[in-house]
Amino acid sequence: MKLLRKKSGIIIIGNEILSGKTLDRNSNFLCKRLLKKGIDVQEVSIIPDIKKIIIEKINLFRKKFDYVFTTGGIGPTHDDITSKSIAEAFNVDIVLNNEARKRLEKHYSDDVLTKARLKMAFIPKTAKLIDNPVSIAPGFYIGNVFVFPGVPKIFQIMIDQFFDKIDKGNKYYQKNVTTILSEGLIGEFIEKVQKKFISIEIGSYPYFKKNSFGVSLIIKGDKKKEVEKASIEIFNYLKFKNGSPRLF
């Protein structure tokens, strides 16, 4: 029987992602971090910088999931409308946050705190700040919605720092078995192992190198012993079939 886990959804906001101009690296990074936390990611959605769509998606996700993470749309430009949209989704005012303003004033003490830059200090009234050690302009969270900037380097550092404050879920246990045999040759056996060990999940991922190919099998589950038993069973089978397996 699988453990009851916290569920999460990720919303990537930005026309530049949908147009292909910018590559989305944030969802991949966040999915890996949430996996380590033991929190399931159940949906990733990429949406444009359109207020109506942002509001609808936020309200849908915050009802469906324990945690909702957004990236993008909280910068200084005219199309950065995420903060205002989330305020409307929660039916609260967007206000100038004094602490955010102070941080920006200090950061731009040798420059000009323009109206555009000050815009980054406006957040939903009841929201709390998420520290940004890189460019200072904070993210925020309100209810179960956690709002981050879209720039990958800034996003990643903020996530790593903030994740210590998020409750840990039940840890996943994971093993990786690789082989030079193809999925077509091992698929039937892997299916039998999956049916035998119903508490685990087995992912099969073909890979290609210069002059060879193979399959990487990810065995993941809540119970350490079950994961280890299934991994060893798969490893021994692949060894018997001269599949040059590696277990780690």
C-alpha atoms as a PDB file:
ATOM      1  CA  MET A   1       0.000   0.000   0.000  1.00  0.00           C
ATOM      2  CA  LYS A   2       1.384   3.378  -1.017  1.00  0.00           C
ATOM      3  CA  LEU A   3       1.794   6.152   1.514  1.00  0.00           C
ATOM      4  CA  LEU A   4      -0.454   9.187   1.368  1.00  0.00           C
ATOM      5  CA  ARG A   5       1.680  11.993  -0.053  1.00  0.00           C
ATOM      6  CA  LYS A   6       1.324  15.734  -0.461  1.00  0.00           C
ATOM      7  CA  LYS A   7       0.432  16.676  -4.031  1.00  0.00           C
ATOM      8  CA  SER A   8       1.696  19.639  -6.014  1.00  0.00           C
ATOM      9  CA  GLY A   9       1.145  21.443  -9.283  1.00  0.00           C
ATOM     10  CA  ILE A  10       3.484  23.753 -11.190  1.00  0.00           C
ATOM     11  CA  ILE A  11       2.406  26.742 -13.287  1.00  0.00           C
ATOM     12  CA  ILE A  12       4.942  28.243 -15.692  1.00  0.00           C
ATOM     13  CA  ILE A  13       3.834  31.735 -16.729  1.00  0.00           C
ATOM     14  CA  GLY A  14       5.227  33.523 -19.767  1.00  0.00           C
ATOM     15  CA  ASN A  15       4.611  34.185 -23.441  1.00  0.00           C
ATOM     16  CA  GLU A  16       8.340  33.698 -24.065  1.00  0.00           C
ATOM     17  CA  ILE A  17       8.053  30.038 -23.016  1.00  0.00           C
ATOM     18  CA  LEU A  18       5.064  29.359 -25.261  1.00  0.00           C
ATOM     19  CA  SER A  19       6.689  31.072 -28.251  1.00  0.00           C
ATOM     20  CA  GLY A  20       9.802  28.926 -27.915  1.00  0.00           C
ATOM     21  CA  LYS A  21      12.003  31.967 -27.387  1.00  0.00           C
ATOM     22  CA  THR A  22      12.921  30.810 -23.878  1.00  0.00           C
ATOM     23  CA  LEU A  23      13.482  27.218 -22.748  1.00  0.00           C
ATOM     24  CA  ASP A  24      11.646  26.169 -19.588  1.00  0.00           C
ATOM     25  CA  ARG A  25      14.255  24.821 -17.174  1.00  0.00           C
ATOM     26  CA  ASN A  26      12.364  25.616 -14.006  1.00  0.00           C
ATOM     27  CA  SER A  27       9.785  22.827 -14.054  1.00  0.00           C
ATOM     28  CA  ASN A  28      12.482  20.168 -14.505  1.00  0.00           C
ATOM     29  CA  PHE A  29      14.530  21.582 -11.641  1.00  0.00           C
ATOM     30  CA  LEU A  30      11.502  21.882  -9.362  1.00  0.00           C
ATOM     31  CA  CYS A  31      10.219  18.375 -10.125  1.00  0.00           C
ATOM     32  CA  LYS A  32      13.568  16.948  -9.009  1.00  0.00           C
ATOM     33  CA  ARG A  33      13.542  18.973  -5.808  1.00  0.00           C
ATOM     34  CA  LEU A  34       9.978  17.954  -4.988  1.00  0.00           C
ATOM     35  CA  LEU A  35      10.814  14.294  -5.600  1.00  0.00           C
ATOM     36  CA  LYS A  36      13.600  14.540  -3.015  1.00  0.00           C
ATOM     37  CA  LYS A  37      11.098  16.106  -0.620  1.00  0.00           C
ATOM     38  CA  GLY A  38       8.703  13.220  -1.108  1.00  0.00           C
ATOM     39  CA  ILE A  39       6.061  15.479  -2.666  1.00  0.00           C
ATOM     40  CA  ASP A  40       4.283  14.257  -5.804  1.00  0.00           C
ATOM     41  CA  VAL A  41       4.105  16.537  -8.833  1.00  0.00           C
ATOM     42  CA  GLN A  42       0.822  15.749 -10.558  1.00  0.00           C
ATOM     43  CA  GLU A  43       0.599  18.472 -13.175  1.00  0.00           C
ATOM     44  CA  VAL A  44       2.722  21.065 -14.957  1.00  0.00           C
ATOM     45  CA  SER A  45       0.977  23.794 -16.932  1.00  0.00           C
ATOM     46  CA  ILE A  46       2.492  26.494 -19.167  1.00  0.00           C
ATOM     47  CA  ILE A  47       0.264  29.520 -19.651  1.00  0.00           C
ATOM     48  CA  PRO A  48       0.537  32.994 -21.251  1.00  0.00           C
ATOM     49  CA  ASP A  49       0.751  36.387 -19.560  1.00  0.00           C
ATOM     50  CA  ILE A  50      -3.016  36.842 -19.634  1.00  0.00           C
ATOM     51  CA  LYS A  51      -4.717  37.847 -16.390  1.00  0.00           C
ATOM     52  CA  LYS A  52      -7.904  35.867 -16.886  1.00  0.00           C
ATOM     53  CA  ILE A  53      -6.016  32.670 -17.640  1.00  0.00           C
ATOM     54  CA  ILE A  54      -3.641  33.132 -14.694  1.00  0.00           C
ATOM     55  CA  ILE A  55      -6.538  33.685 -12.291  1.00  0.00           C
ATOM     56  CA  GLU A  56      -8.437  30.655 -13.549  1.00  0.00           C
ATOM     57  CA  LYS A  57      -5.385  28.394 -13.389  1.00  0.00           C
ATOM     58  CA  ILE A  58      -4.400  29.562  -9.893  1.00  0.00           C
ATOM     59  CA  ASN A  59      -7.892  28.973  -8.530  1.00  0.00           C
ATOM     60  CA  LEU A  60      -8.062  25.541 -10.161  1.00  0.00           C
ATOM     61  CA  PHE A  61      -4.648  24.401  -8.931  1.00  0.00           C
ATOM     62  CA  ARG A  62      -4.952  25.693  -5.358  1.00  0.00           C
ATOM     63  CA  LYS A  63      -8.099  23.607  -4.914  1.00  0.00           C
ATOM     64  CA  LYS A  64      -6.584  20.481  -6.478  1.00  0.00           C
ATOM     65  CA  PHE A  65      -3.155  20.421  -4.823  1.00  0.00           C
ATOM     66  CA  ASP A  66      -1.515  20.840  -1.439  1.00  0.00           C
ATOM     67  CA  TYR A  67       1.207  23.030  -2.967  1.00  0.00           C
ATOM     68  CA  VAL A  68       1.148  25.231  -6.055  1.00  0.00           C
ATOM     69  CA  PHE A  69       4.362  26.718  -7.453  1.00  0.00           C
ATOM     70  CA  THR A  70       4.457  29.458 -10.082  1.00  0.00           C
ATOM     71  CA  THR A  71       7.394  30.928 -11.960  1.00  0.00           C
ATOM     72  CA  GLY A  72       7.501  34.031 -14.125  1.00  0.00           C
ATOM     73  CA  GLY A  73       5.717  37.336 -14.401  1.00  0.00           C
ATOM     74  CA  ILE A  74       6.835  39.141 -11.222  1.00  0.00           C
ATOM     75  CA  GLY A  75       9.471  41.407 -12.788  1.00  0.00           C
ATOM     76  CA  PRO A  76       9.451  45.142 -13.622  1.00  0.00           C
ATOM     77  CA  THR A  77       8.053  45.097 -17.172  1.00  0.00           C
ATOM     78  CA  HIS A  78       4.533  45.897 -18.356  1.00  0.00           C
ATOM     79  CA  ASP A  79       3.686  42.263 -19.073  1.00  0.00           C
ATOM     80  CA  ASP A  80       4.655  41.081 -15.584  1.00  0.00           C
ATOM     81  CA  ILE A  81       1.138  40.677 -14.234  1.00  0.00           C
ATOM     82  CA  THR A  82       1.421  37.553 -12.088  1.00  0.00           C
ATOM     83  CA  SER A  83       1.325  39.333  -8.705  1.00  0.00           C
ATOM     84  CA  LYS A  84      -1.754  41.354  -9.580  1.00  0.00           C
ATOM     85  CA  SER A  85      -3.482  38.317 -11.063  1.00  0.00           C
ATOM     86  CA  ILE A  86      -2.847  36.198  -7.965  1.00  0.00           C
ATOM     87  CA  ALA A  87      -4.152  38.987  -5.735  1.00  0.00           C
ATOM     88  CA  GLU A  88      -7.387  38.928  -7.737  1.00  0.00           C
ATOM     89  CA  ALA A  89      -7.520  35.129  -7.568  1.00  0.00           C
ATOM     90  CA  PHE A  90      -7.465  35.388  -3.758  1.00  0.00           C
ATOM     91  CA  ASN A  91      -9.764  38.429  -3.800  1.00  0.00           C
ATOM     92  CA  VAL A  92      -7.317  40.678  -1.941  1.00  0.00           C
ATOM     93  CA  ASP A  93      -5.733  44.027  -2.792  1.00  0.00           C
ATOM     94  CA  ILE A  94      -2.255  44.309  -4.229  1.00  0.00           C
ATOM     95  CA  VAL A  95      -0.264  46.729  -2.067  1.00  0.00           C
ATOM     96  CA  LEU A  96       3.202  48.192  -1.683  1.00  0.00           C
ATOM     97  CA  ASN A  97       4.913  45.900   0.789  1.00  0.00           C
ATOM     98  CA  ASN A  98       7.077  47.994   3.116  1.00  0.00           C
ATOM     99  CA  GLU A  99       9.683  45.317   3.717  1.00  0.00           C
ATOM    100  CA  ALA A 100      10.019  44.608  -0.003  1.00  0.00           C
ATOM    101  CA  ARG A 101      10.329  48.350  -0.663  1.00  0.00           C
ATOM    102  CA  LYS A 102      13.103  48.693   1.955  1.00  0.00           C
ATOM    103  CA  ARG A 103      15.044  45.834   0.408  1.00  0.00           C
ATOM    104  CA  LEU A 104      14.827  47.376  -3.044  1.00  0.00           C
ATOM    105  CA  GLU A 105      15.786  50.828  -1.762  1.00  0.00           C
ATOM    106  CA  LYS A 106      18.893  49.369  -0.177  1.00  0.00           C
ATOM    107  CA  HIS A 107      19.732  47.334  -3.257  1.00  0.00           C
ATOM    108  CA  TYR A 108      19.409  50.354  -5.550  1.00  0.00           C
ATOM    109  CA  SER A 109      21.010  52.818  -3.117  1.00  0.00           C
ATOM    110  CA  ASP A 110      23.721  53.623  -5.683  1.00  0.00           C
ATOM    111  CA  ASP A 111      21.260  53.711  -8.564  1.00  0.00           C
ATOM    112  CA  VAL A 112      17.698  54.852  -9.257  1.00  0.00           C
ATOM    113  CA  LEU A 113      14.715  53.026  -7.786  1.00  0.00           C
ATOM    114  CA  THR A 114      12.502  53.618 -10.796  1.00  0.00           C
ATOM    115  CA  LYS A 115       8.752  53.155 -10.872  1.00  0.00           C
ATOM    116  CA  ALA A 116       9.281  49.955 -12.852  1.00  0.00           C
ATOM    117  CA  ARG A 117      11.655  48.566 -10.240  1.00  0.00           C
ATOM    118  CA  LEU A 118       9.367  49.584  -7.391  1.00  0.00           C
ATOM    119  CA  LYS A 119       6.638  47.575  -9.072  1.00  0.00           C
ATOM    120  CA  MET A 120       8.404  44.453  -7.791  1.00  0.00           C
ATOM    121  CA  ALA A 121       7.552  45.485  -4.217  1.00  0.00           C
ATOM    122  CA  PHE A 122       3.803  45.325  -4.874  1.00  0.00           C
ATOM    123  CA  ILE A 123       2.365  42.014  -3.695  1.00  0.00           C
ATOM    124  CA  PRO A 124      -1.007  40.677  -2.480  1.00  0.00           C
ATOM    125  CA  LYS A 125      -1.907  42.233   0.877  1.00  0.00           C
ATOM    126  CA  THR A 126      -1.922  39.034   2.958  1.00  0.00           C
ATOM    127  CA  ALA A 127       1.084  37.418   1.260  1.00  0.00           C
ATOM    128  CA  LYS A 128       4.427  36.711   2.949  1.00  0.00           C
ATOM    129  CA  LEU A 129       7.803  37.306   1.335  1.00  0.00           C
ATOM    130  CA  ILE A 130      10.196  34.715  -0.066  1.00  0.00           C
ATOM    131  CA  ASP A 131      13.808  35.901   0.121  1.00  0.00           C
ATOM    132  CA  ASN A 132      15.766  36.544  -3.054  1.00  0.00           C
ATOM    133  CA  PRO A 133      19.513  36.636  -2.272  1.00  0.00           C
ATOM    134  CA  VAL A 134      20.466  37.256  -5.909  1.00  0.00           C
ATOM    135  CA  SER A 135      18.516  40.213  -7.288  1.00  0.00           C
ATOM    136  CA  ILE A 136      16.755  41.086  -3.988  1.00  0.00           C
ATOM    137  CA  ALA A 137      13.228  41.528  -5.443  1.00  0.00           C
ATOM    138  CA  PRO A 138      11.302  38.947  -3.367  1.00  0.00           C
ATOM    139  CA  GLY A 139       8.898  36.239  -4.293  1.00  0.00           C
ATOM    140  CA  PHE A 140       5.920  35.580  -2.033  1.00  0.00           C
ATOM    141  CA  TYR A 141       3.421  33.003  -0.901  1.00  0.00           C
ATOM    142  CA  ILE A 142      -0.251  33.286  -0.126  1.00  0.00           C
ATOM    143  CA  GLY A 143      -2.305  30.338   1.022  1.00  0.00           C
ATOM    144  CA  ASN A 144      -0.786  27.274  -0.634  1.00  0.00           C
ATOM    145  CA  VAL A 145       0.522  29.214  -3.661  1.00  0.00           C
ATOM    146  CA  PHE A 146       4.267  29.919  -3.847  1.00  0.00           C
ATOM    147  CA  VAL A 147       5.347  32.557  -6.358  1.00  0.00           C
ATOM    148  CA  PHE A 148       8.862  32.752  -7.825  1.00  0.00           C
ATOM    149  CA  PRO A 149      10.611  34.677 -10.614  1.00  0.00           C
ATOM    150  CA  GLY A 150      11.209  33.009 -13.946  1.00  0.00           C
ATOM    151  CA  VAL A 151      14.971  33.561 -14.368  1.00  0.00           C
ATOM    152  CA  PRO A 152      16.370  30.035 -13.814  1.00  0.00           C
ATOM    153  CA  LYS A 153      19.507  30.957 -11.826  1.00  0.00           C
ATOM    154  CA  ILE A 154      17.536  33.169  -9.457  1.00  0.00           C
ATOM    155  CA  PHE A 155      14.667  30.694  -9.222  1.00  0.00           C
ATOM    156  CA  GLN A 156      16.942  27.772  -8.373  1.00  0.00           C
ATOM    157  CA  ILE A 157      18.744  29.561  -5.550  1.00  0.00           C
ATOM    158  CA  MET A 158      15.473  30.804  -4.071  1.00  0.00           C
ATOM    159  CA  ILE A 159      13.953  27.327  -4.221  1.00  0.00           C
ATOM    160  CA  ASP A 160      16.954  25.708  -2.537  1.00  0.00           C
ATOM    161  CA  GLN A 161      16.847  28.228   0.304  1.00  0.00           C
ATOM    162  CA  PHE A 162      13.083  28.240   0.748  1.00  0.00           C
ATOM    163  CA  PHE A 163      12.570  24.479   0.589  1.00  0.00           C
ATOM    164  CA  ASP A 164      13.944  24.047   4.097  1.00  0.00           C
ATOM    165  CA  LYS A 165      10.759  25.744   5.308  1.00  0.00           C
ATOM    166  CA  ILE A 166       8.411  23.382   3.497  1.00  0.00           C
ATOM    167  CA  ASP A 167       7.257  20.311   5.387  1.00  0.00           C
ATOM    168  CA  LYS A 168       9.004  17.178   4.251  1.00  0.00           C
ATOM    169  CA  GLY A 169       6.875  14.417   2.808  1.00  0.00           C
ATOM    170  CA  ASN A 170       7.562  10.722   3.125  1.00  0.00           C
ATOM    171  CA  LYS A 171      10.918   9.961   1.537  1.00  0.00           C
ATOM    172  CA  TYR A 172      11.079   8.048  -1.737  1.00  0.00           C
ATOM    173  CA  TYR A 173      13.581   5.222  -2.076  1.00  0.00           C
ATOM    174  CA  GLN A 174      15.116   4.788  -5.496  1.00  0.00           C
ATOM    175  CA  LYS A 175      17.490   2.499  -7.371  1.00  0.00           C
ATOM    176  CA  ASN A 176      18.777   2.653 -10.937  1.00  0.00           C
ATOM    177  CA  VAL A 177      19.569  -0.387 -13.074  1.00  0.00           C
ATOM    178  CA  THR A 178      21.087   0.070 -16.530  1.00  0.00           C
ATOM    179  CA  THR A 179      21.480  -2.503 -19.288  1.00  0.00           C
ATOM    180  CA  ILE A 180      22.593  -2.749 -22.912  1.00  0.00           C
ATOM    181  CA  LEU A 181      19.481  -4.776 -23.747  1.00  0.00           C
ATOM    182  CA  SER A 182      16.554  -3.075 -25.463  1.00  0.00           C
ATOM    183  CA  GLU A 183      13.073  -2.517 -24.014  1.00  0.00           C
ATOM    184  CA  GLY A 184      11.670  -5.033 -26.492  1.00  0.00           C
ATOM    185  CA  LEU A 185      13.817  -7.787 -24.992  1.00  0.00           C
ATOM    186  CA  ILE A 186      13.235  -7.035 -21.320  1.00  0.00           C
ATOM    187  CA  GLY A 187       9.758  -5.492 -21.329  1.00  0.00           C
ATOM    188  CA  GLU A 188       7.831  -8.663 -20.533  1.00  0.00           C
ATOM    189  CA  PHE A 189      10.011  -9.488 -17.516  1.00  0.00           C
ATOM    190  CA  ILE A 190       9.875  -5.918 -16.194  1.00  0.00           C
ATOM    191  CA  GLU A 191       6.085  -6.050 -16.414  1.00  0.00           C
ATOM    192  CA  LYS A 192       6.068  -9.217 -14.281  1.00  0.00           C
ATOM    193  CA  VAL A 193       8.261  -7.559 -11.652  1.00  0.00           C
ATOM    194  CA  GLN A 194       5.966  -4.512 -11.610  1.00  0.00           C
ATOM    195  CA  LYS A 195       2.943  -6.729 -10.995  1.00  0.00           C
ATOM    196  CA  LYS A 196       4.787  -8.627  -8.279  1.00  0.00           C
ATOM    197  CA  PHE A 197       5.878  -5.513  -6.410  1.00  0.00           C
ATOM    198  CA  ILE A 198       2.716  -3.408  -6.510  1.00  0.00           C
ATOM    199  CA  SER A 199       4.041  -0.802  -4.054  1.00  0.00           C
ATOM    200  CA  ILE A 200       6.821   0.361  -6.390  1.00  0.00           C
ATOM    201  CA  GLU A 201       6.999   2.147  -9.733  1.00  0.00           C
ATOM    202  CA  ILE A 202       9.382   1.108 -12.499  1.00  0.00           C
ATOM    203  CA  GLY A 203      10.242   3.655 -15.181  1.00  0.00           C
ATOM    204  CA  SER A 204      11.972   2.530 -18.368  1.00  0.00           C
ATOM    205  CA  TYR A 205      14.081   5.094 -20.237  1.00  0.00           C
ATOM    206  CA  PRO A 206      16.075   4.236 -23.394  1.00  0.00           C
ATOM    207  CA  TYR A 207      19.371   6.075 -23.842  1.00  0.00           C
ATOM    208  CA  PHE A 208      21.748   6.460 -26.769  1.00  0.00           C
ATOM    209  CA  LYS A 209      25.509   6.904 -26.832  1.00  0.00           C
ATOM    210  CA  LYS A 210      27.970   7.235 -29.702  1.00  0.00           C
ATOM    211  CA  ASN A 211      28.130   3.590 -30.707  1.00  0.00           C
ATOM    212  CA  SER A 212      25.638   1.927 -28.398  1.00  0.00           C
ATOM    213  CA  PHE A 213      22.283   2.154 -26.759  1.00  0.00           C
ATOM    214  CA  GLY A 214      20.594   0.743 -23.691  1.00  0.00           C
ATOM    215  CA  VAL A 215      17.890   1.198 -21.099  1.00  0.00           C
ATOM    216  CA  SER A 216      17.935   2.864 -17.704  1.00  0.00           C
ATOM    217  CA  LEU A 217      15.387   1.455 -15.260  1.00  0.00           C
ATOM    218  CA  ILE A 218      14.342   3.649 -12.328  1.00  0.00           C
ATOM    219  CA  ILE A 219      12.839   1.675  -9.459  1.00  0.00           C
ATOM    220  CA  LYS A 220      11.062   3.962  -6.976  1.00  0.00           C
ATOM    221  CA  GLY A 221       8.834   3.375  -3.979  1.00  0.00           C
ATOM    222  CA  ASP A 222       7.896   4.095  -0.386  1.00  0.00           C
ATOM    223  CA  LYS A 223       9.393   0.902   1.065  1.00  0.00           C
ATOM    224  CA  LYS A 224      13.158   0.528   1.001  1.00  0.00           C
ATOM    225  CA  LYS A 225      13.141  -3.279   1.174  1.00  0.00           C
ATOM    226  CA  GLU A 226      10.673  -3.603  -1.689  1.00  0.00           C
ATOM    227  CA  VAL A 227      12.740  -1.290  -3.891  1.00  0.00           C
ATOM    228  CA  GLU A 228      15.906  -3.231  -3.105  1.00  0.00           C
ATOM    229  CA  LYS A 229      14.289  -6.638  -3.709  1.00  0.00           C
ATOM    230  CA  ALA A 230      12.856  -5.574  -7.064  1.00  0.00           C
ATOM    231  CA  SER A 231      16.148  -3.984  -8.121  1.00  0.00           C
ATOM    232  CA  ILE A 232      18.160  -7.105  -7.294  1.00  0.00           C
ATOM    233  CA  GLU A 233      15.656  -9.324  -9.095  1.00  0.00           C
ATOM    234  CA  ILE A 234      15.914  -7.167 -12.218  1.00  0.00           C
ATOM    235  CA  PHE A 235      19.708  -7.004 -11.968  1.00  0.00           C
ATOM    236  CA  ASN A 236      20.049 -10.793 -11.687  1.00  0.00           C
ATOM    237  CA  TYR A 237      17.775 -11.354 -14.670  1.00  0.00           C
ATOM    238  CA  LEU A 238      19.710  -8.914 -16.835  1.00  0.00           C
ATOM    239  CA  LYS A 239      22.988 -10.512 -15.767  1.00  0.00           C
ATOM    240  CA  PHE A 240      21.646 -13.947 -16.743  1.00  0.00           C
ATOM    241  CA  LYS A 241      20.680 -12.504 -20.131  1.00  0.00           C
ATOM    242  CA  ASN A 242      24.192 -11.060 -20.644  1.00  0.00           C
ATOM    243  CA  GLY A 243      22.781  -7.546 -20.483  1.00  0.00           C
ATOM    244  CA  SER A 244      25.845  -6.042 -18.712  1.00  0.00           C
ATOM    245  CA  PRO A 245      23.680  -4.558 -15.935  1.00  0.00           C
ATOM    246  CA  ARG A 246      24.801  -1.917 -13.465  1.00  0.00           C
ATOM    247  CA  LEU A 247      22.987  -1.261 -10.178  1.00  0.00           C
ATOM    248  CA  PHE A 248      23.314   1.972  -8.249  1.00  0.00           C
END
